[in-house]
């Protein structure tokens, strides 16, 4: 056998090298996310190069400008029809630019802007050594109670890194509900989770409790991320692709041009069921649904209150957006498989959150269990599997996020010698000592309870109506019962504030700067406007409720 013949056994004639296409990225349509990431990188540079005394003002300025610009970009995209007629898949199949993604991005950016004001508040604590202080540790790297921490407090240090961390978290949240393939979804999950793990550990007071909260959140979040990643691997094995549209085609049986190397595992239902269950499990962890909720009360209680408020609002918006896209775009062909499971999760989440909240004695833990119950109410809209279901969930998330940030902003105002007074017994008689603060908090509690003329009522009504129309009437009955149970503990707090005698050694109400006043004012305004005249916003959510595939 000649040498050339032998050589040709393991080589073949190569085709002329075809041109590698350059990636096509629609920068204009991705501009909201790019603006926020760019500002976060500028924030990192500010930390490196700007003198310490000027950093706080520089960071707040950069962050506010970026979030306003990103929101303007979202509005411009919506005005140009990218939420409706021009909705399409951008960035070579990685990102969906459509109604739900733009609506959720707008909500996240506004919630982030309002949350940023609570981060920037510096008038609640008394001045330390002639310096104004915020809610965050003077020097995060120092051991709690150590000499280096005391020296940092004396020197007037502040942890201004919280602002770029907040922007990185928001950037991840903007991508999360608009991801159109599983790898983009996972990268976005990590981009917004890691900054939140750090932010939870940075409380100025009760630092050990704050660090414990961060470690719990990090460990359980790592488990949830691992489940998500394993689920992604299984779904790739099932469909031979991580693209949402391609997986949906394989589920429906409408796929063509199968790669022979993947033909052996494609269409294996075990991979589909286990993989999708694992990914959904990771998303349910992020929204705090039972039985993946165990991190919520501890983390909400231990994290700095501004971080708790931002996280409670924005993470829910991002995670529910991703869950909706996964169930409605990737797995509509499996509706009969996932609906019964979601029914069970929604029922135990609504009842579990409402019943356990009754036993709580700490206001932040009470709001944490309340957020778990609300995750159950929102799941009722997800289960509707209709256009109305999507629009009701979008509307609920928009209203809920502002009420939540407003409520946690009020919690930062009630203080005693040890910082925030979060034990419920200390709130007794608050309505007599500070009627305005107690009245505002009562408005937020009534909205959580779903009392008419608040955004909570309009949201619950929309979600329950969509669920009933979608054939989930028994779920609505459970939802109404859970709402009644939840109303009990909200009204108990209102009674405690207005009809109990104030204690002589009780907490004081700090006078905030205009930043926190603006946060609380926006929260009350949104709560009342969405409650009294919700129709415009319901129509807006309805226009934005069609996913592109």
Protein backbone atom coordinates (compact mmCIF):
# COMPACT_ATOMS: atom_id res chain seq x y z
CA UNK A 1 0.00 0.00 0.00
CA UNK A 2 1.45 3.32 -1.02
CA UNK A 3 2.17 6.08 1.43
CA UNK A 4 -0.47 8.34 -0.12
CA UNK A 5 -3.13 5.62 0.19
CA UNK A 6 -2.30 5.10 3.89
CA UNK A 7 -2.35 8.84 4.45
CA UNK A 8 -5.78 9.16 2.89
CA UNK A 9 -7.22 6.63 5.39
CA UNK A 10 -7.31 9.19 8.15
CA UNK A 11 -7.51 12.44 6.23
CA UNK A 12 -10.05 13.72 3.80
CA UNK A 13 -9.79 16.48 1.28
CA UNK A 14 -10.67 19.73 3.06
CA UNK A 15 -13.29 22.08 1.69
CA UNK A 16 -12.02 25.55 0.95
CA UNK A 17 -12.25 27.30 4.35
CA UNK A 18 -15.59 29.03 4.46
CA UNK A 19 -15.77 32.55 5.84
CA UNK A 20 -16.55 32.71 9.59
CA UNK A 21 -19.44 35.10 10.01
CA UNK A 22 -18.93 37.93 12.47
CA UNK A 23 -21.50 37.93 15.31
CA UNK A 24 -24.42 40.26 14.70
CA UNK A 25 -25.33 42.18 17.85
CA UNK A 26 -28.22 44.69 17.89
CA UNK A 27 -26.65 47.14 20.34
CA UNK A 28 -29.60 49.55 20.22
CA UNK A 29 -32.07 46.88 21.33
CA UNK A 30 -29.76 45.70 24.11
CA UNK A 31 -29.04 49.29 25.22
CA UNK A 32 -30.86 49.18 28.61
CA UNK A 33 -28.63 46.33 29.81
CA UNK A 34 -25.47 47.75 28.21
CA UNK A 35 -26.00 51.17 29.87
CA UNK A 36 -26.32 49.57 33.32
CA UNK A 37 -23.28 47.30 32.84
CA UNK A 38 -21.25 50.26 31.54
CA UNK A 39 -22.21 52.34 34.59
CA UNK A 40 -21.30 49.44 36.91
CA UNK A 41 -17.83 49.32 35.33
CA UNK A 42 -17.52 53.10 35.72
CA UNK A 43 -18.47 52.60 39.38
CA UNK A 44 -15.59 50.14 39.80
CA UNK A 45 -13.22 52.72 38.31
CA UNK A 46 -14.63 55.40 40.65
CA UNK A 47 -13.72 53.14 43.60
CA UNK A 48 -10.17 52.85 42.25
CA UNK A 49 -9.40 56.45 41.26
CA UNK A 50 -11.72 58.95 43.00
CA UNK A 51 -10.64 60.24 46.45
CA UNK A 52 -12.55 58.61 49.30
CA UNK A 53 -14.38 61.75 50.42
CA UNK A 54 -15.91 62.25 46.92
CA UNK A 55 -16.78 58.65 46.11
CA UNK A 56 -20.26 58.59 47.63
CA UNK A 57 -21.48 61.54 45.53
CA UNK A 58 -19.80 60.25 42.36
CA UNK A 59 -21.31 56.76 42.78
CA UNK A 60 -24.83 58.05 43.49
CA UNK A 61 -24.63 60.39 40.48
CA UNK A 62 -23.38 57.66 38.10
CA UNK A 63 -25.98 55.15 39.33
CA UNK A 64 -28.97 57.51 39.12
CA UNK A 65 -28.01 58.76 35.64
CA UNK A 66 -27.49 55.19 34.39
CA UNK A 67 -30.82 53.87 35.69
CA UNK A 68 -32.73 56.86 34.29
CA UNK A 69 -30.98 56.50 30.91
CA UNK A 70 -31.66 52.75 30.81
CA UNK A 71 -35.34 53.33 31.62
CA UNK A 72 -35.53 55.95 28.86
CA UNK A 73 -34.03 53.36 26.48
CA UNK A 74 -36.71 50.82 27.47
CA UNK A 75 -39.45 53.40 26.84
CA UNK A 76 -37.90 54.31 23.47
CA UNK A 77 -37.80 50.63 22.43
CA UNK A 78 -41.44 50.17 23.47
CA UNK A 79 -42.44 53.34 21.55
CA UNK A 80 -40.71 51.98 18.45
CA UNK A 81 -42.84 48.85 18.54
CA UNK A 82 -40.27 46.37 19.85
CA UNK A 83 -42.79 45.22 22.44
CA UNK A 84 -45.45 44.40 19.83
CA UNK A 85 -45.01 44.44 16.03
CA UNK A 86 -41.18 44.43 15.91
CA UNK A 87 -40.69 41.87 18.71
CA UNK A 88 -37.91 39.48 17.74
CA UNK A 89 -34.89 37.47 18.94
CA UNK A 90 -31.72 39.59 19.16
CA UNK A 91 -28.01 38.93 19.84
CA UNK A 92 -27.84 35.81 17.64
CA UNK A 93 -30.65 34.05 19.46
CA UNK A 94 -29.55 34.83 23.02
CA UNK A 95 -31.98 37.62 24.00
CA UNK A 96 -35.69 38.09 23.28
CA UNK A 97 -36.80 41.69 22.74
CA UNK A 98 -40.59 41.55 23.22
CA UNK A 99 -43.43 42.94 25.32
CA UNK A 100 -42.88 40.93 28.53
CA UNK A 101 -39.12 41.54 28.54
CA UNK A 102 -39.48 45.33 28.06
CA UNK A 103 -42.26 45.60 30.66
CA UNK A 104 -40.26 43.63 33.23
CA UNK A 105 -37.05 45.53 32.45
CA UNK A 106 -38.85 48.82 32.98
CA UNK A 107 -40.24 47.57 36.31
CA UNK A 108 -36.80 46.33 37.46
CA UNK A 109 -35.13 49.64 36.52
CA UNK A 110 -37.72 51.73 38.39
CA UNK A 111 -37.55 49.41 41.41
CA UNK A 112 -33.75 49.63 41.24
CA UNK A 113 -33.85 53.44 41.11
CA UNK A 114 -36.18 53.61 44.12
CA UNK A 115 -34.05 51.00 45.93
CA UNK A 116 -30.92 53.04 45.16
CA UNK A 117 -32.35 55.99 47.12
CA UNK A 118 -32.66 53.78 50.23
CA UNK A 119 -29.03 52.66 49.73
CA UNK A 120 -27.92 56.31 49.59
CA UNK A 121 -29.78 57.39 52.77
CA UNK A 122 -27.33 58.85 55.34
CA UNK A 123 -29.43 60.66 57.91
CA UNK A 124 -31.08 57.86 59.89
CA UNK A 125 -28.22 56.91 62.21
CA UNK A 126 -26.66 59.57 64.45
CA UNK A 127 -23.38 60.92 63.08
CA UNK A 128 -20.33 58.85 64.08
CA UNK A 129 -17.19 60.92 64.89
CA UNK A 130 -18.60 63.84 62.93
CA UNK A 131 -19.35 61.76 59.82
CA UNK A 132 -22.70 60.82 58.37
CA UNK A 133 -23.22 57.06 58.10
CA UNK A 134 -25.45 54.81 56.00
CA UNK A 135 -26.83 51.29 56.51
CA UNK A 136 -23.62 49.55 55.41
CA UNK A 137 -20.49 48.45 57.28
CA UNK A 138 -17.69 51.02 57.46
CA UNK A 139 -15.16 48.48 56.22
CA UNK A 140 -16.67 45.23 55.00
CA UNK A 141 -13.41 43.27 55.11
CA UNK A 142 -12.76 43.89 58.83
CA UNK A 143 -13.82 41.38 61.51
CA UNK A 144 -16.98 42.56 63.38
CA UNK A 145 -15.97 44.33 66.60
CA UNK A 146 -12.25 44.36 65.75
CA UNK A 147 -9.86 47.29 66.15
CA UNK A 148 -9.67 47.75 62.37
CA UNK A 149 -13.46 48.15 62.20
CA UNK A 150 -13.42 50.72 65.02
CA UNK A 151 -10.62 52.60 63.26
CA UNK A 152 -12.64 52.59 60.01
CA UNK A 153 -15.70 54.01 61.82
CA UNK A 154 -13.55 56.72 63.48
CA UNK A 155 -12.05 57.63 60.11
CA UNK A 156 -15.54 57.96 58.61
CA UNK A 157 -15.12 55.27 55.95
CA UNK A 158 -18.20 54.16 53.99
CA UNK A 159 -18.68 51.13 51.77
CA UNK A 160 -19.46 52.89 48.50
CA UNK A 161 -18.88 49.62 46.59
CA UNK A 162 -22.55 48.86 47.22
CA UNK A 163 -23.51 51.08 44.27
CA UNK A 164 -21.61 49.20 41.51
CA UNK A 165 -22.73 45.93 43.15
CA UNK A 166 -26.34 47.11 42.91
CA UNK A 167 -25.85 48.00 39.23
CA UNK A 168 -24.31 44.59 38.42
CA UNK A 169 -27.28 42.91 40.14
CA UNK A 170 -29.74 45.03 38.13
CA UNK A 171 -27.87 44.22 34.89
CA UNK A 172 -28.22 40.49 35.57
CA UNK A 173 -31.90 40.95 36.39
CA UNK A 174 -32.50 42.78 33.09
CA UNK A 175 -31.11 39.84 31.10
CA UNK A 176 -32.77 37.11 33.21
CA UNK A 177 -36.42 37.48 32.05
CA UNK A 178 -35.40 38.20 28.44
CA UNK A 179 -32.90 35.31 28.04
CA UNK A 180 -33.82 33.17 25.05
CA UNK A 181 -31.40 30.31 25.60
CA UNK A 182 -30.54 28.33 28.71
CA UNK A 183 -26.88 29.39 28.91
CA UNK A 184 -27.78 33.10 28.82
CA UNK A 185 -30.36 32.35 31.54
CA UNK A 186 -27.69 30.72 33.72
CA UNK A 187 -25.11 33.47 33.21
CA UNK A 188 -27.73 36.13 34.07
CA UNK A 189 -28.71 34.12 37.19
CA UNK A 190 -25.13 34.19 38.44
CA UNK A 191 -24.54 37.83 37.49
CA UNK A 192 -27.41 39.03 39.68
CA UNK A 193 -27.03 36.45 42.48
CA UNK A 194 -23.36 37.01 43.35
CA UNK A 195 -23.70 40.77 44.07
CA UNK A 196 -26.77 40.04 46.23
CA UNK A 197 -24.84 37.47 48.30
CA UNK A 198 -22.24 40.18 48.99
CA UNK A 199 -24.75 42.95 49.70
CA UNK A 200 -26.52 40.79 52.30
CA UNK A 201 -23.33 40.63 54.40
CA UNK A 202 -22.73 44.38 54.69
CA UNK A 203 -25.03 45.57 57.51
CA UNK A 204 -23.49 48.27 59.75
CA UNK A 205 -25.36 47.03 62.86
CA UNK A 206 -25.83 43.32 63.77
CA UNK A 207 -22.93 42.39 61.49
CA UNK A 208 -22.67 38.75 62.56
CA UNK A 209 -26.36 38.19 61.84
CA UNK A 210 -25.89 39.88 58.46
CA UNK A 211 -22.92 37.65 57.60
CA UNK A 212 -24.85 34.56 58.68
CA UNK A 213 -27.71 35.60 56.35
CA UNK A 214 -25.25 36.02 53.47
CA UNK A 215 -23.66 32.60 54.04
CA UNK A 216 -27.08 30.89 54.17
CA UNK A 217 -28.18 32.67 51.02
CA UNK A 218 -24.91 31.84 49.25
CA UNK A 219 -24.95 28.11 50.15
CA UNK A 220 -28.61 27.55 49.32
CA UNK A 221 -28.30 29.74 46.20
CA UNK A 222 -25.32 27.65 45.07
CA UNK A 223 -27.43 24.49 45.47
CA UNK A 224 -30.24 26.05 43.43
CA UNK A 225 -27.77 27.17 40.72
CA UNK A 226 -26.31 23.66 40.58
CA UNK A 227 -29.78 22.16 40.09
CA UNK A 228 -30.45 24.70 37.34
CA UNK A 229 -27.18 23.90 35.57
CA UNK A 230 -27.75 20.14 35.77
CA UNK A 231 -31.26 20.67 34.37
CA UNK A 232 -29.78 22.69 31.49
CA UNK A 233 -27.39 19.82 30.71
CA UNK A 234 -30.26 17.31 30.65
CA UNK A 235 -32.41 19.51 28.41
CA UNK A 236 -29.44 19.91 26.05
CA UNK A 237 -29.17 16.12 25.93
CA UNK A 238 -32.89 15.93 25.18
CA UNK A 239 -33.08 18.55 22.43
CA UNK A 240 -29.49 18.90 21.18
CA UNK A 241 -29.75 22.66 21.71
CA UNK A 242 -29.99 25.22 24.50
CA UNK A 243 -32.16 27.57 22.41
CA UNK A 244 -35.72 28.00 23.72
CA UNK A 245 -37.32 27.81 20.28
CA UNK A 246 -35.42 24.65 19.30
CA UNK A 247 -36.29 22.86 22.57
CA UNK A 248 -39.96 23.81 22.10
CA UNK A 249 -39.87 22.33 18.56
CA UNK A 250 -38.43 19.04 19.86
CA UNK A 251 -41.12 18.93 22.59
CA UNK A 252 -43.84 19.53 19.95
CA UNK A 253 -42.31 17.02 17.55
CA UNK A 254 -42.01 19.63 14.78
CA UNK A 255 -38.19 19.56 14.57
CA UNK A 256 -36.30 18.95 11.33
CA UNK A 257 -32.58 18.45 10.47
CA UNK A 258 -31.47 16.35 13.47
CA UNK A 259 -27.73 16.04 14.15
CA UNK A 260 -26.90 12.29 13.85
CA UNK A 261 -24.55 12.49 16.87
CA UNK A 262 -27.48 13.60 19.06
CA UNK A 263 -30.18 11.41 17.55
CA UNK A 264 -29.61 8.69 20.15
CA UNK A 265 -30.69 10.79 23.15
CA UNK A 266 -33.06 13.23 21.45
CA UNK A 267 -36.67 12.83 22.39
CA UNK A 268 -35.89 10.91 25.60
CA UNK A 269 -38.79 11.98 27.84
CA UNK A 270 -36.94 11.18 31.08
CA UNK A 271 -34.30 13.79 30.21
CA UNK A 272 -37.04 16.32 29.40
CA UNK A 273 -39.04 15.79 32.59
CA UNK A 274 -36.08 15.69 35.00
CA UNK A 275 -34.24 18.55 33.25
CA UNK A 276 -37.22 20.92 33.14
CA UNK A 277 -38.10 20.03 36.77
CA UNK A 278 -34.58 20.98 37.88
CA UNK A 279 -34.60 24.31 36.05
CA UNK A 280 -38.05 25.18 37.39
CA UNK A 281 -36.81 24.25 40.87
CA UNK A 282 -33.97 26.79 40.57
CA UNK A 283 -36.44 29.50 39.51
CA UNK A 284 -38.89 28.64 42.31
CA UNK A 285 -35.99 29.02 44.76
CA UNK A 286 -35.44 32.57 43.48
CA UNK A 287 -39.11 33.54 43.84
CA UNK A 288 -39.22 32.01 47.34
CA UNK A 289 -41.98 29.43 46.70
CA UNK A 290 -42.57 26.61 49.22
CA UNK A 291 -40.74 24.19 49.63
CA UNK A 292 -37.74 26.20 48.33
CA UNK A 293 -38.39 29.14 50.65
CA UNK A 294 -36.30 28.29 53.72
CA UNK A 295 -33.68 30.97 52.99
CA UNK A 296 -36.20 33.82 52.75
CA UNK A 297 -36.99 34.74 56.39
CA UNK A 298 -33.39 34.44 57.63
CA UNK A 299 -31.93 36.41 54.73
CA UNK A 300 -34.63 39.13 54.84
CA UNK A 301 -34.07 39.53 58.58
CA UNK A 302 -30.26 39.56 58.51
CA UNK A 303 -29.55 41.61 55.38
CA UNK A 304 -29.35 45.44 55.58
CA UNK A 305 -32.95 46.66 55.21
CA UNK A 306 -32.35 48.64 51.97
CA UNK A 307 -30.92 45.45 50.42
CA UNK A 308 -33.89 43.43 51.70
CA UNK A 309 -36.35 45.84 50.10
CA UNK A 310 -34.57 45.89 46.75
CA UNK A 311 -34.07 42.11 46.73
CA UNK A 312 -37.66 41.34 47.74
CA UNK A 313 -38.98 43.45 44.87
CA UNK A 314 -36.56 43.13 41.97
CA UNK A 315 -35.57 39.46 42.34
CA UNK A 316 -39.22 38.42 42.26
CA UNK A 317 -39.86 40.44 39.10
CA UNK A 318 -36.83 38.96 37.30
CA UNK A 319 -37.42 35.37 38.43
CA UNK A 320 -41.14 35.34 37.61
CA UNK A 321 -40.33 36.78 34.18
CA UNK A 322 -37.86 33.96 33.54
CA UNK A 323 -40.33 31.35 34.86
CA UNK A 324 -43.11 32.66 32.59
CA UNK A 325 -40.84 32.57 29.52
CA UNK A 326 -39.67 29.04 30.31
CA UNK A 327 -43.19 27.64 30.80
CA UNK A 328 -44.90 29.57 27.99
CA UNK A 329 -42.17 29.50 25.31
CA UNK A 330 -40.17 26.31 25.96
CA UNK A 331 -42.64 23.94 27.62
CA UNK A 332 -46.17 24.80 26.39
CA UNK A 333 -46.29 21.29 24.91
CA UNK A 334 -45.82 19.86 28.43
CA UNK A 335 -48.65 21.84 29.99
CA UNK A 336 -50.39 18.71 31.29
CA UNK A 337 -47.19 17.66 33.05
CA UNK A 338 -46.23 20.92 34.77
CA UNK A 339 -49.64 22.37 35.63
CA UNK A 340 -50.52 19.81 38.37
CA UNK A 341 -47.11 20.32 39.98
CA UNK A 342 -47.51 24.11 39.86
CA UNK A 343 -51.00 23.77 41.35
CA UNK A 344 -49.53 21.94 44.34
CA UNK A 345 -46.67 24.45 44.71
CA UNK A 346 -49.06 27.43 44.50
CA UNK A 347 -51.45 25.97 47.12
CA UNK A 348 -48.76 25.14 49.69
CA UNK A 349 -46.98 28.47 49.03
CA UNK A 350 -50.14 30.55 49.59
CA UNK A 351 -51.22 28.67 52.69
CA UNK A 352 -47.71 28.09 54.09
CA UNK A 353 -46.68 31.75 53.81
CA UNK A 354 -49.93 33.06 55.30
CA UNK A 355 -50.16 30.59 58.21
CA UNK A 356 -46.51 30.79 59.35
CA UNK A 357 -46.57 34.62 59.14
CA UNK A 358 -49.13 34.69 61.99
CA UNK A 359 -46.50 33.34 64.42
CA UNK A 360 -43.79 35.92 63.59
CA UNK A 361 -42.64 38.51 66.13
CA UNK A 362 -40.10 40.35 63.91
CA UNK A 363 -41.43 42.80 61.32
CA UNK A 364 -38.84 41.81 58.67
CA UNK A 365 -39.58 38.09 59.11
CA UNK A 366 -43.29 38.84 58.91
CA UNK A 367 -42.78 40.67 55.60
CA UNK A 368 -40.63 37.73 54.41
CA UNK A 369 -43.43 35.21 54.98
CA UNK A 370 -45.84 37.69 53.44
CA UNK A 371 -43.62 37.72 50.31
CA UNK A 372 -43.77 33.90 50.23
CA UNK A 373 -47.59 34.05 50.27
CA UNK A 374 -47.49 36.63 47.45
CA UNK A 375 -45.30 34.27 45.38
CA UNK A 376 -48.18 31.79 45.67
CA UNK A 377 -50.73 34.36 44.50
CA UNK A 378 -48.56 35.24 41.48
CA UNK A 379 -48.17 31.52 40.64
CA UNK A 380 -51.97 31.38 40.29
CA UNK A 381 -51.60 33.76 37.33
CA UNK A 382 -48.75 31.68 35.88
CA UNK A 383 -50.97 28.56 35.99
CA UNK A 384 -53.69 30.29 33.94
CA UNK A 385 -51.65 29.54 30.74
CA UNK A 386 -53.34 32.36 28.85
CA UNK A 387 -52.56 35.88 27.62
CA UNK A 388 -54.60 37.24 30.55
CA UNK A 389 -52.47 35.12 32.90
CA UNK A 390 -49.27 36.78 31.61
CA UNK A 391 -50.69 40.32 31.75
CA UNK A 392 -52.07 39.81 35.29
CA UNK A 393 -48.67 38.56 36.51
CA UNK A 394 -46.92 41.57 34.91
CA UNK A 395 -49.36 43.99 36.56
CA UNK A 396 -49.10 42.27 39.96
CA UNK A 397 -45.29 42.37 39.88
CA UNK A 398 -45.27 46.09 38.99
CA UNK A 399 -47.59 47.01 41.86
CA UNK A 400 -46.03 44.62 44.39
CA UNK A 401 -42.44 45.81 43.87
CA UNK A 402 -43.16 49.44 44.87
CA UNK A 403 -45.26 48.48 47.89
CA UNK A 404 -42.45 46.20 49.09
CA UNK A 405 -39.64 48.75 48.75
CA UNK A 406 -41.86 51.38 50.41
CA UNK A 407 -42.68 49.08 53.33
CA UNK A 408 -39.02 48.24 53.98
CA UNK A 409 -38.15 51.96 53.70
CA UNK A 410 -40.60 52.63 56.56
CA UNK A 411 -38.96 49.83 58.60
CA UNK A 412 -35.62 51.70 58.36
CA UNK A 413 -37.16 54.75 60.10
CA UNK A 414 -38.23 53.09 63.38
CA UNK A 415 -35.06 52.98 65.47
CA UNK A 416 -33.75 52.58 69.00
CA UNK A 417 -30.24 52.59 70.51
CA UNK A 418 -29.34 49.33 68.70
CA UNK A 419 -30.37 50.52 65.24
CA UNK A 420 -33.62 49.46 63.58
CA UNK A 421 -36.31 48.34 66.06
CA UNK A 422 -37.75 45.37 64.15
CA UNK A 423 -39.37 43.47 67.05
CA UNK A 424 -43.14 43.87 66.76
CA UNK A 425 -43.55 44.72 70.47
CA UNK A 426 -41.56 47.90 69.85
CA UNK A 427 -44.05 49.06 67.22
CA UNK A 428 -46.83 49.26 69.83
CA UNK A 429 -48.36 52.73 69.94
CA UNK A 430 -46.36 53.96 66.96
CA UNK A 431 -49.54 55.58 65.56
CA UNK A 432 -49.74 57.89 68.58
CA UNK A 433 -46.06 58.76 68.61
CA UNK A 434 -45.70 59.27 64.84
CA UNK A 435 -49.12 59.18 63.16
CA UNK A 436 -47.85 59.91 59.62
CA UNK A 437 -45.30 57.07 59.52
CA UNK A 438 -47.80 54.61 61.01
CA UNK A 439 -50.50 55.71 58.52
CA UNK A 440 -48.13 55.21 55.56
CA UNK A 441 -47.14 51.76 56.82
CA UNK A 442 -50.84 50.93 57.29
CA UNK A 443 -51.45 51.83 53.61
CA UNK A 444 -48.70 49.39 52.55
CA UNK A 445 -50.06 46.65 54.83
CA UNK A 446 -53.58 47.12 53.44
CA UNK A 447 -52.14 46.84 49.91
CA UNK A 448 -50.39 43.57 50.88
CA UNK A 449 -53.71 42.35 52.29
CA UNK A 450 -55.47 43.16 49.00
CA UNK A 451 -57.98 45.67 50.40
CA UNK A 452 -59.98 47.53 47.66
CA UNK A 453 -58.62 50.87 46.34
CA UNK A 454 -55.02 49.62 46.69
CA UNK A 455 -52.73 48.11 44.03
CA UNK A 456 -52.83 44.81 45.96
CA UNK A 457 -56.56 44.42 45.34
CA UNK A 458 -56.30 45.21 41.62
CA UNK A 459 -53.38 42.78 41.25
CA UNK A 460 -55.02 39.94 43.15
CA UNK A 461 -58.29 40.44 41.30
CA UNK A 462 -56.51 40.28 37.92
CA UNK A 463 -54.51 37.17 38.85
CA UNK A 464 -57.47 35.29 40.36
CA UNK A 465 -59.73 36.19 37.42
CA UNK A 466 -57.14 34.87 34.94
CA UNK A 467 -56.76 31.68 36.99
CA UNK A 468 -60.54 31.15 37.17
CA UNK A 469 -60.89 31.72 33.40
CA UNK A 470 -58.06 29.23 32.87
CA UNK A 471 -59.97 26.48 34.70
CA UNK A 472 -58.19 26.84 38.06
CA UNK A 473 -61.24 27.89 40.13
CA UNK A 474 -60.33 25.67 43.16
CA UNK A 475 -56.96 27.49 43.26
CA UNK A 476 -58.79 30.82 43.46
CA UNK A 477 -60.79 29.56 46.45
CA UNK A 478 -57.55 28.60 48.23
CA UNK A 479 -56.13 32.01 47.27
CA UNK A 480 -59.08 33.86 48.80
CA UNK A 481 -58.81 31.81 52.02
CA UNK A 482 -55.06 32.53 52.18
CA UNK A 483 -55.72 36.24 51.63
CA UNK A 484 -58.18 36.20 54.54
CA UNK A 485 -55.58 34.51 56.79
CA UNK A 486 -52.94 37.02 55.65
CA UNK A 487 -55.29 39.97 56.28
CA UNK A 488 -55.44 38.89 59.93
CA UNK A 489 -51.75 39.47 60.63
CA UNK A 490 -51.54 42.68 58.58
CA UNK A 491 -54.48 44.15 60.47
CA UNK A 492 -52.98 42.90 63.75
CA UNK A 493 -49.95 45.11 63.11
CA UNK A 494 -52.21 48.10 62.31
CA UNK A 495 -54.15 47.51 65.56
CA UNK A 496 -50.84 47.25 67.46
CA UNK A 497 -49.68 50.60 66.03
CA UNK A 498 -52.87 52.58 66.57
CA UNK A 499 -54.68 50.99 69.52
CA UNK A 500 -51.84 50.08 71.92
CA UNK A 501 -50.27 52.33 74.51
CA UNK A 502 -46.79 53.52 73.46
CA UNK A 503 -44.00 52.39 75.79
CA UNK A 504 -42.03 55.16 77.49
CA UNK A 505 -38.70 53.52 76.46
CA UNK A 506 -40.02 52.75 72.97
CA UNK A 507 -38.21 53.50 69.70
CA UNK A 508 -38.05 56.87 67.99
CA UNK A 509 -38.87 57.61 64.37
CA UNK A 510 -35.85 59.03 62.56
CA UNK A 511 -36.33 62.02 60.27
CA UNK A 512 -35.07 60.86 56.87
CA UNK A 513 -33.50 62.86 54.06
CA UNK A 514 -35.55 63.64 50.93
CA UNK A 515 -34.24 60.36 49.42
CA UNK A 516 -36.22 58.06 51.73
CA UNK A 517 -39.17 60.47 51.70
CA UNK A 518 -39.21 60.14 47.90
CA UNK A 519 -39.12 56.33 48.12
CA UNK A 520 -42.05 56.22 50.54
CA UNK A 521 -43.94 58.88 48.56
CA UNK A 522 -43.52 56.94 45.30
CA UNK A 523 -44.63 53.74 47.06
CA UNK A 524 -47.83 55.35 48.38
CA UNK A 525 -48.57 57.06 45.04
CA UNK A 526 -48.15 53.83 43.02
CA UNK A 527 -50.22 51.88 45.56
CA UNK A 528 -53.13 54.32 45.35
CA UNK A 529 -52.96 55.04 41.59
CA UNK A 530 -52.87 51.32 40.67
CA UNK A 531 -55.68 50.71 43.16
CA UNK A 532 -58.00 53.58 42.18
CA UNK A 533 -57.35 53.77 38.41
CA UNK A 534 -55.65 50.54 37.32
CA UNK A 535 -57.13 50.32 33.82
CA UNK A 536 -54.37 52.14 31.90
CA UNK A 537 -51.70 49.95 33.50
CA UNK A 538 -53.73 46.76 32.99
CA UNK A 539 -54.04 47.68 29.29
CA UNK A 540 -50.29 48.35 29.15
CA UNK A 541 -49.57 44.93 30.69
CA UNK A 542 -52.07 43.35 28.28
CA UNK A 543 -50.30 44.86 25.25
CA UNK A 544 -46.99 43.58 26.61
CA UNK A 545 -48.14 40.03 27.29
CA UNK A 546 -47.16 38.20 24.06
CA UNK A 547 -43.85 36.27 24.04
CA UNK A 548 -41.80 36.10 20.86
CA UNK A 549 -40.63 32.62 19.83
